Amino acid sequence: MSKREFIAQELERLPEQDLDRMLAFLRSLADAHAEAAVPAAAAESSLAKDWLTPEEDAAWVSL
């Protein structure tokens, strides 16, 4: 059984009054992942001008 299938099975057993709390928790996880991705994307685009040069490629060619 996959993790998704197991979670779906557990959700079926969860009392109706707890579903709002579960939904809030799932949304908080999704928000945390979205917030974590923003700084990484910003850093990558700002540093790309330094990384994507022939000099940088030459420095790493032996690794």
Protein backbone atom coordinates (compact mmCIF):
# COMPACT_ATOMS: atom_id res chain seq x y z
CA MET A 1 0.00 0.00 0.00
CA SER A 2 1.40 3.40 -0.96
CA LYS A 3 1.65 6.26 1.51
CA ARG A 4 -1.11 8.13 -0.34
CA GLU A 5 -3.39 5.11 -0.14
CA PHE A 6 -2.63 4.69 3.56
CA ILE A 7 -3.37 8.38 4.22
CA ALA A 8 -6.63 8.15 2.26
CA GLN A 9 -7.60 5.12 4.33
CA GLU A 10 -6.84 6.96 7.56
CA LEU A 11 -8.83 9.99 6.40
CA GLU A 12 -11.86 7.74 5.97
CA ARG A 13 -11.55 6.77 9.62
CA LEU A 14 -11.10 10.34 10.87
CA PRO A 15 -14.14 11.84 12.62
CA GLU A 16 -15.89 14.58 10.64
CA GLN A 17 -15.16 17.20 13.30
CA ASP A 18 -11.40 16.70 12.82
CA LEU A 19 -11.41 17.26 9.06
CA ASP A 20 -11.15 21.06 9.40
CA ARG A 21 -8.03 20.67 11.54
CA MET A 22 -6.56 18.20 9.06
CA LEU A 23 -7.23 20.55 6.15
CA ALA A 24 -5.60 23.44 8.02
CA PHE A 25 -2.56 21.27 8.72
CA LEU A 26 -2.24 20.20 5.08
CA ARG A 27 -2.48 23.81 3.94
CA SER A 28 0.20 24.86 6.44
CA LEU A 29 2.52 22.20 4.99
CA ALA A 30 1.87 23.41 1.44
CA ASP A 31 2.46 27.03 2.48
CA ALA A 32 5.73 26.12 4.19
CA HIS A 33 7.00 24.41 1.04
CA ALA A 34 5.96 27.35 -1.13
CA GLU A 35 7.70 29.86 1.17
CA ALA A 36 10.89 27.78 1.25
CA ALA A 37 11.05 27.68 -2.54
CA VAL A 38 10.90 31.46 -3.03
CA PRO A 39 14.32 32.39 -1.54
CA ALA A 40 16.04 29.56 -3.39
CA ALA A 41 14.62 30.67 -6.73
CA ALA A 42 15.55 34.28 -6.06
CA ALA A 43 19.10 33.36 -5.07
CA GLU A 44 19.55 31.16 -8.11
CA SER A 45 18.50 33.86 -10.55
CA SER A 46 20.63 36.53 -8.87
CA LEU A 47 23.73 34.32 -8.76
CA ALA A 48 23.30 32.90 -12.27
CA LYS A 49 25.18 35.85 -13.75
CA ASP A 50 28.26 34.78 -11.76
CA TRP A 51 27.81 31.04 -12.22
CA LEU A 52 27.11 30.91 -15.93
CA THR A 53 30.44 32.15 -17.22
CA PRO A 54 33.23 30.45 -19.16
CA GLU A 55 35.61 31.19 -16.28
CA GLU A 56 33.35 29.43 -13.80
CA ASP A 57 32.97 26.43 -16.13
CA ALA A 58 36.76 26.21 -16.48
CA ALA A 59 37.22 26.30 -12.70
CA TRP A 60 34.94 23.28 -12.20
CA VAL A 61 35.92 21.21 -15.23
CA SER A 62 38.28 18.94 -13.26
CA LEU A 63 35.68 17.90 -10.66
